Amino acid sequence: MKQWYWIFLSLTYTSMLFANPIKKVELKSLGLSIETPNHWEGVTDEEFRDSKNQIHLESKTFTKLLHESKELPLFSIRKVDPNLEEYFTIINIKALTTELEFKNIPLDLRTYLFRVSMALKKFDYLIEPKAVRINGNLAGFALFSHTIMDEAQNETKVVSAIWVFPRKGYFYMIGSGMVEENFEPVFEEVKQIVNTFKIEKTK
């Protein structure tokens, strides 16, 4: 069974990652770009819908909303595990509206994630919300663990990373989820990909 984790990475490892060929993905109308290794591949809208419907949250109400939501990411990629023949991590980029002004990025990101945590089981911060800068753009970052369930109520412990890039009246969100066991190398790879994210202009 393929398990995809949504949500919504040492110097040696980094050199190994970018020794592999990369490709640049551009959303020219939005002025966005990100560089991804060739062994990552795109996720179609249909695959995204099907995969999120496999996830069950702590709240039945939130689970129902998740399954009924037609919201799709601007861009979504996944990495294939050649040994297990299943996808074990994914990165989504979304544009979301918000009433939060993000004048205090750590505080406002904590407020946003508090709302998210209401739908999650066993939510716990691994890295508290903080401000970071990526390619000249100020962003918020946090890393947290939680559990998700399948239809049979089997629980899987996962770690989710989230970056938010505030704009006027909205923000770009990059999210990634990974299985908790030995997640650090996967997180390092995800982080290196996110560090190539560029916002060249806004509309």
N, C-alpha and C. Protein backbone atom coordinates (compact mmCIF):
# COMPACT_ATOMS: atom_id res chain seq x y z
N MET A 1 0.85 -1.20 0.00
CA MET A 1 0.00 0.00 0.00
C MET A 1 0.88 1.25 0.00
N LYS A 2 0.59 2.16 -0.87
CA LYS A 2 1.35 3.40 -0.92
C LYS A 2 0.83 4.34 0.16
N GLN A 3 1.74 4.88 0.96
CA GLN A 3 1.35 5.83 1.99
C GLN A 3 2.03 7.16 1.68
N TRP A 4 1.25 8.20 1.45
CA TRP A 4 1.77 9.52 1.15
C TRP A 4 1.43 10.42 2.32
N TYR A 5 2.39 11.22 2.76
CA TYR A 5 2.19 12.05 3.93
C TYR A 5 2.19 13.52 3.51
N TRP A 6 1.08 14.20 3.89
CA TRP A 6 0.82 15.57 3.48
C TRP A 6 0.84 16.45 4.72
N ILE A 7 0.07 17.59 4.68
CA ILE A 7 -0.38 18.57 5.59
C ILE A 7 -0.39 19.88 5.06
N PHE A 8 -0.92 19.22 5.77
CA PHE A 8 -1.33 20.09 5.73
C PHE A 8 -2.04 19.24 5.73
N LEU A 9 17.17 18.27 7.39
CA LEU A 9 17.64 17.36 6.32
C LEU A 9 19.09 17.55 6.69
N SER A 10 23.36 17.20 7.23
CA SER A 10 24.80 17.21 7.26
C SER A 10 25.39 17.66 5.94
N LEU A 11 26.45 18.22 5.93
CA LEU A 11 27.08 18.77 4.73
C LEU A 11 27.39 17.67 3.73
N THR A 12 27.79 16.51 4.21
CA THR A 12 28.07 15.38 3.33
C THR A 12 26.82 14.99 2.56
N TYR A 13 25.71 14.93 3.26
CA TYR A 13 24.46 14.52 2.62
C TYR A 13 24.06 15.53 1.56
N THR A 14 24.25 16.83 1.88
CA THR A 14 23.89 17.88 0.93
C THR A 14 24.72 17.77 -0.34
N SER A 15 26.00 17.49 -0.20
CA SER A 15 26.84 17.38 -1.39
C SER A 15 26.42 16.19 -2.23
N MET A 16 25.96 15.11 -1.57
CA MET A 16 25.46 13.96 -2.31
C MET A 16 24.18 14.30 -3.05
N LEU A 17 23.31 15.06 -2.39
CA LEU A 17 22.03 15.41 -2.99
C LEU A 17 22.23 16.19 -4.28
N PHE A 18 23.05 17.24 -4.22
CA PHE A 18 23.17 18.10 -5.38
C PHE A 18 24.28 17.66 -6.34
N ALA A 19 24.87 16.51 -6.05
CA ALA A 19 25.72 15.89 -7.06
C ALA A 19 24.86 15.27 -8.14
N ASN A 20 23.59 15.01 -7.80
CA ASN A 20 22.64 14.47 -8.77
C ASN A 20 22.09 15.58 -9.65
N PRO A 21 21.67 15.27 -10.88
CA PRO A 21 21.10 16.29 -11.75
C PRO A 21 19.85 16.91 -11.13
N ILE A 22 19.65 18.19 -11.38
CA ILE A 22 18.47 18.88 -10.87
C ILE A 22 17.71 19.51 -12.02
N LYS A 23 16.46 19.84 -11.74
CA LYS A 23 15.65 20.53 -12.73
C LYS A 23 14.97 21.71 -12.05
N LYS A 24 14.79 22.77 -12.79
CA LYS A 24 14.16 23.96 -12.25
C LYS A 24 12.71 24.01 -12.70
N VAL A 25 11.82 24.14 -11.73
CA VAL A 25 10.39 24.25 -12.02
C VAL A 25 9.98 25.70 -11.81
N GLU A 26 9.33 26.29 -12.80
CA GLU A 26 8.93 27.69 -12.71
C GLU A 26 7.42 27.85 -12.86
N LEU A 27 6.85 28.66 -11.97
CA LEU A 27 5.47 29.12 -12.13
C LEU A 27 5.59 30.58 -12.54
N LYS A 28 5.78 30.80 -13.84
CA LYS A 28 6.17 32.12 -14.33
C LYS A 28 5.13 33.20 -14.04
N SER A 29 3.85 32.85 -14.10
CA SER A 29 2.81 33.86 -13.88
C SER A 29 2.84 34.39 -12.44
N LEU A 30 3.38 33.58 -11.51
CA LEU A 30 3.47 33.99 -10.12
C LEU A 30 4.88 34.43 -9.73
N GLY A 31 5.83 34.25 -10.64
CA GLY A 31 7.20 34.61 -10.32
C GLY A 31 7.84 33.67 -9.32
N LEU A 32 7.43 32.40 -9.31
CA LEU A 32 7.95 31.42 -8.37
C LEU A 32 8.81 30.40 -9.09
N SER A 33 9.82 29.92 -8.40
CA SER A 33 10.62 28.83 -8.96
C SER A 33 11.20 28.01 -7.82
N ILE A 34 11.50 26.74 -8.12
CA ILE A 34 12.12 25.85 -7.15
C ILE A 34 12.92 24.81 -7.93
N GLU A 35 14.05 24.40 -7.38
CA GLU A 35 14.89 23.41 -8.04
C GLU A 35 14.69 22.06 -7.35
N THR A 36 14.47 21.01 -8.13
CA THR A 36 14.24 19.69 -7.58
C THR A 36 15.17 18.66 -8.21
N PRO A 37 15.62 17.68 -7.43
CA PRO A 37 16.43 16.61 -8.02
C PRO A 37 15.60 15.81 -9.02
N ASN A 38 16.26 15.23 -9.99
CA ASN A 38 15.55 14.49 -11.04
C ASN A 38 14.82 13.25 -10.52
N HIS A 39 15.23 12.75 -9.35
CA HIS A 39 14.56 11.56 -8.83
C HIS A 39 13.30 11.91 -8.04
N TRP A 40 12.90 13.18 -8.06
CA TRP A 40 11.59 13.59 -7.55
C TRP A 40 10.68 13.80 -8.76
N GLU A 41 9.39 13.52 -8.59
CA GLU A 41 8.47 13.66 -9.73
C GLU A 41 7.20 14.39 -9.31
N GLY A 42 6.52 14.94 -10.31
CA GLY A 42 5.31 15.70 -10.06
C GLY A 42 4.14 14.82 -9.63
N VAL A 43 3.22 15.41 -8.87
CA VAL A 43 1.99 14.75 -8.44
C VAL A 43 0.83 15.42 -9.18
N THR A 44 -0.02 14.63 -9.82
CA THR A 44 -1.15 15.20 -10.54
C THR A 44 -2.25 15.60 -9.56
N ASP A 45 -3.17 16.46 -10.02
CA ASP A 45 -4.28 16.88 -9.18
C ASP A 45 -5.12 15.68 -8.72
N GLU A 46 -5.34 14.75 -9.63
CA GLU A 46 -6.14 13.57 -9.29
C GLU A 46 -5.46 12.73 -8.22
N GLU A 47 -4.15 12.56 -8.34
CA GLU A 47 -3.41 11.79 -7.34
C GLU A 47 -3.44 12.51 -5.99
N PHE A 48 -3.36 13.84 -6.01
CA PHE A 48 -3.43 14.60 -4.77
C PHE A 48 -4.77 14.38 -4.08
N ARG A 49 -5.85 14.47 -4.84
CA ARG A 49 -7.18 14.27 -4.26
C ARG A 49 -7.32 12.86 -3.68
N ASP A 50 -6.89 11.87 -4.44
CA ASP A 50 -7.01 10.49 -3.98
C ASP A 50 -6.21 10.25 -2.71
N SER A 51 -5.03 10.83 -2.64
CA SER A 51 -4.15 10.58 -1.50
C SER A 51 -4.66 11.24 -0.23
N LYS A 52 -5.15 12.47 -0.33
CA LYS A 52 -5.63 13.13 0.89
C LYS A 52 -6.88 12.46 1.42
N ASN A 53 -7.62 11.76 0.56
CA ASN A 53 -8.81 11.06 1.02
C ASN A 53 -8.47 9.80 1.82
N GLN A 54 -7.20 9.40 1.80
CA GLN A 54 -6.76 8.25 2.59
C GLN A 54 -6.41 8.65 4.02
N ILE A 55 -6.32 9.95 4.27
CA ILE A 55 -5.89 10.44 5.58
C ILE A 55 -7.09 10.71 6.47
N HIS A 56 -6.99 10.26 7.71
CA HIS A 56 -8.04 10.49 8.71
C HIS A 56 -7.42 11.19 9.90
N LEU A 57 -8.05 12.30 10.31
CA LEU A 57 -7.52 13.13 11.39
C LEU A 57 -8.21 12.81 12.71
N GLU A 58 -7.74 13.46 13.77
CA GLU A 58 -8.31 13.25 15.10
C GLU A 58 -9.80 13.58 15.12
N SER A 59 -10.17 14.66 14.46
CA SER A 59 -11.56 15.10 14.44
C SER A 59 -12.28 14.57 13.19
N LYS A 60 -13.42 13.94 13.38
CA LYS A 60 -14.22 13.47 12.24
C LYS A 60 -14.71 14.65 11.40
N THR A 61 -15.00 15.76 12.07
CA THR A 61 -15.45 16.96 11.34
C THR A 61 -14.36 17.48 10.42
N PHE A 62 -13.13 17.58 10.93
CA PHE A 62 -12.01 18.06 10.12
C PHE A 62 -11.67 17.05 9.02
N THR A 63 -11.81 15.77 9.33
CA THR A 63 -11.55 14.75 8.30
C THR A 63 -12.53 14.91 7.15
N LYS A 64 -13.79 15.14 7.47
CA LYS A 64 -14.81 15.34 6.45
C LYS A 64 -14.48 16.57 5.61
N LEU A 65 -14.07 17.66 6.26
CA LEU A 65 -13.71 18.88 5.54
C LEU A 65 -12.50 18.64 4.63
N LEU A 66 -11.53 17.89 5.13
CA LEU A 66 -10.34 17.58 4.33
C LEU A 66 -10.72 16.83 3.08
N HIS A 67 -11.57 15.83 3.22
CA HIS A 67 -11.95 14.99 2.08
C HIS A 67 -12.82 15.75 1.08
N GLU A 68 -13.61 16.69 1.57
CA GLU A 68 -14.52 17.43 0.69
C GLU A 68 -13.85 18.64 0.04
N SER A 69 -12.72 19.08 0.59
CA SER A 69 -12.06 20.28 0.08
C SER A 69 -11.56 20.06 -1.34
N LYS A 70 -11.81 21.04 -2.20
CA LYS A 70 -11.34 20.99 -3.58
C LYS A 70 -10.02 21.73 -3.74
N GLU A 71 -9.46 22.23 -2.63
CA GLU A 71 -8.22 22.99 -2.69
C GLU A 71 -7.07 22.13 -3.19
N LEU A 72 -6.35 22.65 -4.15
CA LEU A 72 -5.21 21.94 -4.72
C LEU A 72 -3.94 22.78 -4.56
N PRO A 73 -2.79 22.14 -4.44
CA PRO A 73 -1.54 22.91 -4.35
C PRO A 73 -1.19 23.53 -5.68
N LEU A 74 -0.39 24.61 -5.64
CA LEU A 74 0.14 25.19 -6.87
C LEU A 74 1.11 24.21 -7.53
N PHE A 75 1.80 23.46 -6.68
CA PHE A 75 2.85 22.57 -7.16
C PHE A 75 3.06 21.49 -6.12
N SER A 76 3.23 20.26 -6.57
CA SER A 76 3.42 19.15 -5.65
C SER A 76 4.40 18.15 -6.26
N ILE A 77 5.38 17.70 -5.47
CA ILE A 77 6.34 16.70 -5.94
C ILE A 77 6.47 15.61 -4.89
N ARG A 78 6.93 14.44 -5.35
CA ARG A 78 7.14 13.32 -4.44
C ARG A 78 8.43 12.61 -4.82
N LYS A 79 8.98 11.90 -3.84
CA LYS A 79 10.19 11.12 -4.07
C LYS A 79 9.84 9.64 -3.98
N VAL A 80 10.34 8.87 -4.93
CA VAL A 80 10.07 7.44 -4.96
C VAL A 80 11.17 6.69 -4.23
N ASP A 81 10.79 5.77 -3.37
CA ASP A 81 11.76 4.88 -2.73
C ASP A 81 11.96 3.67 -3.64
N PRO A 82 13.09 3.55 -4.32
CA PRO A 82 13.28 2.46 -5.28
C PRO A 82 13.33 1.09 -4.62
N ASN A 83 13.62 1.05 -3.32
CA ASN A 83 13.70 -0.23 -2.62
C ASN A 83 12.31 -0.74 -2.21
N LEU A 84 11.46 0.18 -1.77
CA LEU A 84 10.14 -0.22 -1.30
C LEU A 84 9.07 -0.07 -2.37
N GLU A 85 9.42 0.60 -3.47
CA GLU A 85 8.46 0.87 -4.54
C GLU A 85 7.24 1.62 -4.03
N GLU A 86 7.48 2.56 -3.15
CA GLU A 86 6.38 3.40 -2.71
C GLU A 86 6.89 4.82 -2.49
N TYR A 87 5.97 5.76 -2.50
CA TYR A 87 6.34 7.15 -2.30
C TYR A 87 6.40 7.39 -0.80
N PHE A 88 7.52 7.94 -0.33
CA PHE A 88 7.62 8.08 1.12
C PHE A 88 7.71 9.51 1.59
N THR A 89 7.78 10.47 0.70
CA THR A 89 7.70 11.87 1.13
C THR A 89 7.23 12.73 -0.02
N ILE A 90 6.71 13.89 0.34
CA ILE A 90 6.11 14.78 -0.66
C ILE A 90 6.30 16.22 -0.22
N ILE A 91 6.35 17.14 -1.17
CA ILE A 91 6.42 18.57 -0.89
C ILE A 91 5.29 19.25 -1.65
N ASN A 92 4.50 20.05 -0.94
CA ASN A 92 3.42 20.82 -1.54
C ASN A 92 3.68 22.31 -1.40
N ILE A 93 3.36 23.08 -2.43
CA ILE A 93 3.40 24.54 -2.35
C ILE A 93 1.99 25.05 -2.60
N LYS A 94 1.48 25.85 -1.66
CA LYS A 94 0.13 26.40 -1.77
C LYS A 94 0.16 27.91 -1.59
N ALA A 95 -0.88 28.57 -2.07
CA ALA A 95 -1.11 29.98 -1.79
C ALA A 95 -2.40 30.06 -0.99
N LEU A 96 -2.34 30.67 0.19
CA LEU A 96 -3.48 30.70 1.10
C LEU A 96 -3.76 32.13 1.56
N THR A 97 -5.03 32.46 1.67
CA THR A 97 -5.41 33.76 2.22
C THR A 97 -5.43 33.67 3.74
N THR A 98 -5.24 34.80 4.40
CA THR A 98 -5.22 34.81 5.86
C THR A 98 -5.49 36.21 6.38
N GLU A 99 -6.05 36.25 7.61
CA GLU A 99 -6.20 37.54 8.27
C GLU A 99 -4.97 37.85 9.13
N LEU A 100 -4.08 36.89 9.27
CA LEU A 100 -2.85 37.12 10.02
C LEU A 100 -1.91 38.00 9.21
N GLU A 101 -1.33 39.00 9.85
CA GLU A 101 -0.47 39.94 9.14
C GLU A 101 0.99 39.50 9.12
N PHE A 102 1.35 38.55 9.97
CA PHE A 102 2.72 38.05 10.07
C PHE A 102 3.73 39.18 10.32
N LYS A 103 3.31 40.18 11.10
CA LYS A 103 4.28 41.21 11.51
C LYS A 103 5.24 40.62 12.54
N ASN A 104 4.74 39.67 13.32
CA ASN A 104 5.57 38.89 14.23
C ASN A 104 5.47 37.45 13.73
N ILE A 105 6.40 37.05 12.88
CA ILE A 105 6.28 35.77 12.19
C ILE A 105 6.19 34.58 13.15
N PRO A 106 7.08 34.45 14.13
CA PRO A 106 6.96 33.27 15.02
C PRO A 106 5.63 33.21 15.75
N LEU A 107 5.16 34.36 16.24
CA LEU A 107 3.89 34.38 16.98
C LEU A 107 2.71 34.06 16.08
N ASP A 108 2.66 34.68 14.91
CA ASP A 108 1.54 34.43 14.00
C ASP A 108 1.56 33.02 13.43
N LEU A 109 2.75 32.48 13.19
CA LEU A 109 2.84 31.10 12.73
C LEU A 109 2.36 30.15 13.82
N ARG A 110 2.69 30.45 15.07
CA ARG A 110 2.20 29.63 16.18
C ARG A 110 0.68 29.67 16.25
N THR A 111 0.11 30.85 16.03
CA THR A 111 -1.35 30.99 16.02
C THR A 111 -1.96 30.14 14.91
N TYR A 112 -1.36 30.21 13.72
CA TYR A 112 -1.86 29.42 12.59
C TYR A 112 -1.76 27.93 12.89
N LEU A 113 -0.64 27.49 13.44
CA LEU A 113 -0.44 26.07 13.71
C LEU A 113 -1.28 25.58 14.88
N PHE A 114 -1.63 26.48 15.79
CA PHE A 114 -2.55 26.09 16.87
C PHE A 114 -3.88 25.65 16.27
N ARG A 115 -4.33 26.39 15.26
CA ARG A 115 -5.59 26.02 14.58
C ARG A 115 -5.43 24.68 13.87
N VAL A 116 -4.28 24.49 13.23
CA VAL A 116 -4.03 23.21 12.55
C VAL A 116 -4.00 22.07 13.55
N SER A 117 -3.39 22.31 14.72
CA SER A 117 -3.23 21.25 15.72
C SER A 117 -4.55 20.73 16.24
N MET A 118 -5.61 21.53 16.13
CA MET A 118 -6.93 21.10 16.60
C MET A 118 -7.42 19.87 15.83
N ALA A 119 -6.92 19.68 14.61
CA ALA A 119 -7.35 18.54 13.79
C ALA A 119 -6.39 17.37 13.89
N LEU A 120 -5.25 17.57 14.57
CA LEU A 120 -4.21 16.55 14.58
C LEU A 120 -4.13 15.83 15.92
N LYS A 121 -3.69 14.60 15.89
CA LYS A 121 -3.56 13.79 17.09
C LYS A 121 -2.10 13.76 17.54
N LYS A 122 -1.88 13.94 18.84
CA LYS A 122 -0.54 13.88 19.44
C LYS A 122 0.41 14.90 18.81
N PHE A 123 -0.08 16.12 18.62
CA PHE A 123 0.72 17.21 18.06
C PHE A 123 1.81 17.61 19.05
N ASP A 124 3.05 17.76 18.55
CA ASP A 124 4.16 18.15 19.43
C ASP A 124 5.24 18.83 18.59
N TYR A 125 5.72 20.00 19.05
CA TYR A 125 6.78 20.72 18.32
C TYR A 125 8.12 20.02 18.49
N LEU A 126 8.84 19.85 17.39
CA LEU A 126 10.24 19.44 17.41
C LEU A 126 11.14 20.67 17.27
N ILE A 127 10.71 21.62 16.44
CA ILE A 127 11.34 22.94 16.34
C ILE A 127 10.23 23.97 16.43
N GLU A 128 10.31 24.84 17.43
CA GLU A 128 9.29 25.87 17.64
C GLU A 128 9.27 26.84 16.45
N PRO A 129 8.12 27.47 16.20
CA PRO A 129 8.05 28.45 15.11
C PRO A 129 9.12 29.53 15.24
N LYS A 130 9.78 29.83 14.11
CA LYS A 130 10.82 30.85 14.11
C LYS A 130 10.89 31.51 12.74
N ALA A 131 11.57 32.65 12.67
CA ALA A 131 11.75 33.35 11.40
C ALA A 131 13.04 32.89 10.75
N VAL A 132 12.99 32.70 9.43
CA VAL A 132 14.17 32.33 8.65
C VAL A 132 14.17 33.18 7.38
N ARG A 133 15.28 33.19 6.68
CA ARG A 133 15.35 33.92 5.42
C ARG A 133 15.82 32.98 4.33
N ILE A 134 15.06 32.90 3.24
CA ILE A 134 15.39 32.01 2.13
C ILE A 134 15.44 32.83 0.85
N ASN A 135 16.60 32.90 0.24
CA ASN A 135 16.79 33.67 -1.00
C ASN A 135 16.26 35.10 -0.89
N GLY A 136 16.53 35.73 0.25
CA GLY A 136 16.14 37.12 0.44
C GLY A 136 14.72 37.31 0.92
N ASN A 137 13.93 36.26 1.00
CA ASN A 137 12.54 36.36 1.44
C ASN A 137 12.40 35.89 2.88
N LEU A 138 11.77 36.74 3.71
CA LEU A 138 11.53 36.39 5.09
C LEU A 138 10.43 35.34 5.16
N ALA A 139 10.62 34.32 5.98
CA ALA A 139 9.66 33.23 6.08
C ALA A 139 9.58 32.75 7.53
N GLY A 140 8.54 32.00 7.82
CA GLY A 140 8.42 31.33 9.10
C GLY A 140 8.62 29.85 8.90
N PHE A 141 9.16 29.18 9.92
CA PHE A 141 9.43 27.74 9.83
C PHE A 141 9.09 27.06 11.14
N ALA A 142 8.57 25.84 11.05
CA ALA A 142 8.35 25.02 12.24
C ALA A 142 8.40 23.55 11.83
N LEU A 143 8.75 22.70 12.80
CA LEU A 143 8.79 21.26 12.58
C LEU A 143 8.04 20.61 13.73
N PHE A 144 7.11 19.71 13.41
CA PHE A 144 6.30 19.11 14.48
C PHE A 144 5.93 17.68 14.13
N SER A 145 5.60 16.91 15.15
CA SER A 145 5.19 15.53 14.95
C SER A 145 3.70 15.39 15.28
N HIS A 146 3.08 14.37 14.71
CA HIS A 146 1.68 14.06 14.98
C HIS A 146 1.40 12.68 14.41
N THR A 147 0.19 12.21 14.57
CA THR A 147 -0.17 10.91 13.99
C THR A 147 -1.31 11.09 13.01
N ILE A 148 -1.33 10.24 11.99
CA ILE A 148 -2.46 10.17 11.08
C ILE A 148 -2.97 8.74 11.08
N MET A 149 -4.19 8.57 10.62
CA MET A 149 -4.81 7.25 10.63
C MET A 149 -5.30 6.90 9.24
N ASP A 150 -5.40 5.59 8.98
CA ASP A 150 -6.02 5.14 7.75
C ASP A 150 -7.47 4.76 8.03
N GLU A 151 -8.15 4.21 7.04
CA GLU A 151 -9.56 3.89 7.22
C GLU A 151 -9.80 2.88 8.33
N ALA A 152 -8.82 2.03 8.60
CA ALA A 152 -8.96 1.01 9.64
C ALA A 152 -8.51 1.54 11.01
N GLN A 153 -8.25 2.86 11.09
CA GLN A 153 -7.82 3.52 12.31
C GLN A 153 -6.42 3.11 12.77
N ASN A 154 -5.62 2.57 11.85
CA ASN A 154 -4.22 2.29 12.16
C ASN A 154 -3.45 3.61 12.17
N GLU A 155 -2.68 3.84 13.22
CA GLU A 155 -1.97 5.10 13.36
C GLU A 155 -0.55 5.01 12.81
N THR A 156 -0.10 6.10 12.19
CA THR A 156 1.28 6.24 11.75
C THR A 156 1.83 7.55 12.29
N LYS A 157 2.97 7.49 12.96
CA LYS A 157 3.60 8.70 13.49
C LYS A 157 4.38 9.37 12.37
N VAL A 158 4.10 10.65 12.15
CA VAL A 158 4.77 11.40 11.09
C VAL A 158 5.36 12.70 11.63
N VAL A 159 6.28 13.24 10.87
CA VAL A 159 6.86 14.55 11.16
C VAL A 159 6.52 15.46 9.99
N SER A 160 6.03 16.65 10.29
CA SER A 160 5.69 17.62 9.25
C SER A 160 6.55 18.87 9.39
N ALA A 161 7.03 19.36 8.26
CA ALA A 161 7.77 20.62 8.20
C ALA A 161 6.91 21.62 7.45
N ILE A 162 6.92 22.87 7.93
CA ILE A 162 6.13 23.91 7.26
C ILE A 162 6.94 25.20 7.18
N TRP A 163 6.88 25.81 6.01
CA TRP A 163 7.46 27.14 5.79
C TRP A 163 6.34 28.04 5.28
N VAL A 164 6.26 29.26 5.79
CA VAL A 164 5.28 30.23 5.28
C VAL A 164 6.04 31.49 4.84
N PHE A 165 5.66 31.98 3.67
CA PHE A 165 6.26 33.18 3.09
C PHE A 165 5.17 34.25 3.00
N PRO A 166 5.11 35.17 3.97
CA PRO A 166 4.04 36.16 4.00
C PRO A 166 4.10 37.13 2.82
N ARG A 167 2.95 37.39 2.24
CA ARG A 167 2.78 38.44 1.24
C ARG A 167 1.65 39.33 1.74
N LYS A 168 1.23 40.30 0.98
CA LYS A 168 0.17 41.18 1.43
C LYS A 168 -1.20 40.52 1.25
N GLY A 169 -1.82 40.12 2.35
CA GLY A 169 -3.16 39.53 2.31
C GLY A 169 -3.17 38.03 2.07
N TYR A 170 -2.01 37.43 1.86
CA TYR A 170 -1.96 35.98 1.65
C TYR A 170 -0.54 35.50 1.96
N PHE A 171 -0.32 34.21 1.90
CA PHE A 171 1.03 33.70 2.07
C PHE A 171 1.21 32.44 1.24
N TYR A 172 2.45 32.19 0.86
CA TYR A 172 2.80 30.91 0.24
C TYR A 172 3.19 29.95 1.36
N MET A 173 2.70 28.76 1.30
CA MET A 173 3.04 27.75 2.28
C MET A 173 3.68 26.56 1.59
N ILE A 174 4.82 26.13 2.11
CA ILE A 174 5.46 24.89 1.65
C ILE A 174 5.37 23.90 2.80
N GLY A 175 4.79 22.75 2.54
CA GLY A 175 4.64 21.74 3.57
C GLY A 175 5.15 20.40 3.11
N SER A 176 5.71 19.65 4.06
CA SER A 176 6.19 18.31 3.74
C SER A 176 5.99 17.41 4.94
N GLY A 177 5.61 16.15 4.68
CA GLY A 177 5.43 15.18 5.75
C GLY A 177 6.27 13.95 5.49
N MET A 178 6.76 13.33 6.56
CA MET A 178 7.61 12.15 6.43
C MET A 178 7.41 11.23 7.62
N VAL A 179 7.63 9.95 7.43
CA VAL A 179 7.51 9.00 8.52
C VAL A 179 8.53 9.36 9.60
N GLU A 180 8.10 9.30 10.88
CA GLU A 180 8.96 9.77 11.97
C GLU A 180 10.25 8.96 12.11
N GLU A 181 10.18 7.65 11.93
CA GLU A 181 11.35 6.81 12.13
C GLU A 181 12.47 7.19 11.16
N ASN A 182 13.63 7.58 11.71
CA ASN A 182 14.79 7.97 10.90
C ASN A 182 14.44 9.06 9.89
N PHE A 183 13.69 10.07 10.33
CA PHE A 183 13.23 11.10 9.40
C PHE A 183 14.31 12.13 9.06
N GLU A 184 15.39 12.21 9.85
CA GLU A 184 16.35 13.30 9.70
C GLU A 184 16.96 13.40 8.29
N PRO A 185 17.43 12.29 7.68
CA PRO A 185 18.00 12.43 6.32
C PRO A 185 16.97 12.92 5.31
N VAL A 186 15.73 12.47 5.45
CA VAL A 186 14.67 12.91 4.54
C VAL A 186 14.42 14.40 4.73
N PHE A 187 14.36 14.84 5.98
CA PHE A 187 14.15 16.25 6.27
C PHE A 187 15.28 17.11 5.70
N GLU A 188 16.53 16.63 5.80
CA GLU A 188 17.64 17.38 5.24
C GLU A 188 17.49 17.57 3.73
N GLU A 189 17.02 16.54 3.04
CA GLU A 189 16.82 16.64 1.59
C GLU A 189 15.69 17.61 1.27
N VAL A 190 14.61 17.50 2.00
CA VAL A 190 13.48 18.42 1.80
C VAL A 190 13.94 19.86 2.03
N LYS A 191 14.70 20.08 3.10
CA LYS A 191 15.16 21.43 3.42
C LYS A 191 16.04 22.01 2.32
N GLN A 192 16.90 21.19 1.74
CA GLN A 192 17.75 21.67 0.66
C GLN A 192 16.94 22.06 -0.58
N ILE A 193 15.87 21.32 -0.83
CA ILE A 193 15.00 21.68 -1.96
C ILE A 193 14.28 22.99 -1.67
N VAL A 194 13.73 23.12 -0.46
CA VAL A 194 13.01 24.35 -0.09
C VAL A 194 13.95 25.56 -0.14
N ASN A 195 15.21 25.37 0.18
CA ASN A 195 16.17 26.48 0.15
C ASN A 195 16.42 27.03 -1.25
N THR A 196 15.93 26.35 -2.29
CA THR A 196 16.06 26.86 -3.66
C THR A 196 14.81 27.65 -4.08
N PHE A 197 13.80 27.71 -3.20
CA PHE A 197 12.54 28.38 -3.54
C PHE A 197 12.78 29.88 -3.69
N LYS A 198 12.33 30.45 -4.81
CA LYS A 198 12.51 31.88 -5.06
C LYS A 198 11.18 32.55 -5.41
N ILE A 199 11.02 33.75 -4.89
CA ILE A 199 9.86 34.58 -5.23
C ILE A 199 10.44 35.81 -5.92
N GLU A 200 10.28 35.89 -7.21
CA GLU A 200 10.91 36.97 -7.98
C GLU A 200 9.99 38.17 -8.15
N LYS A 201 8.69 37.93 -8.09
CA LYS A 201 7.76 39.04 -8.18
C LYS A 201 6.43 38.59 -7.60
N THR A 202 5.58 39.53 -7.27
CA THR A 202 4.26 39.20 -6.75
C THR A 202 3.20 39.95 -7.53
N LYS A 203 1.97 39.39 -7.51
CA LYS A 203 0.87 40.05 -8.20
C LYS A 203 -0.27 40.26 -7.23
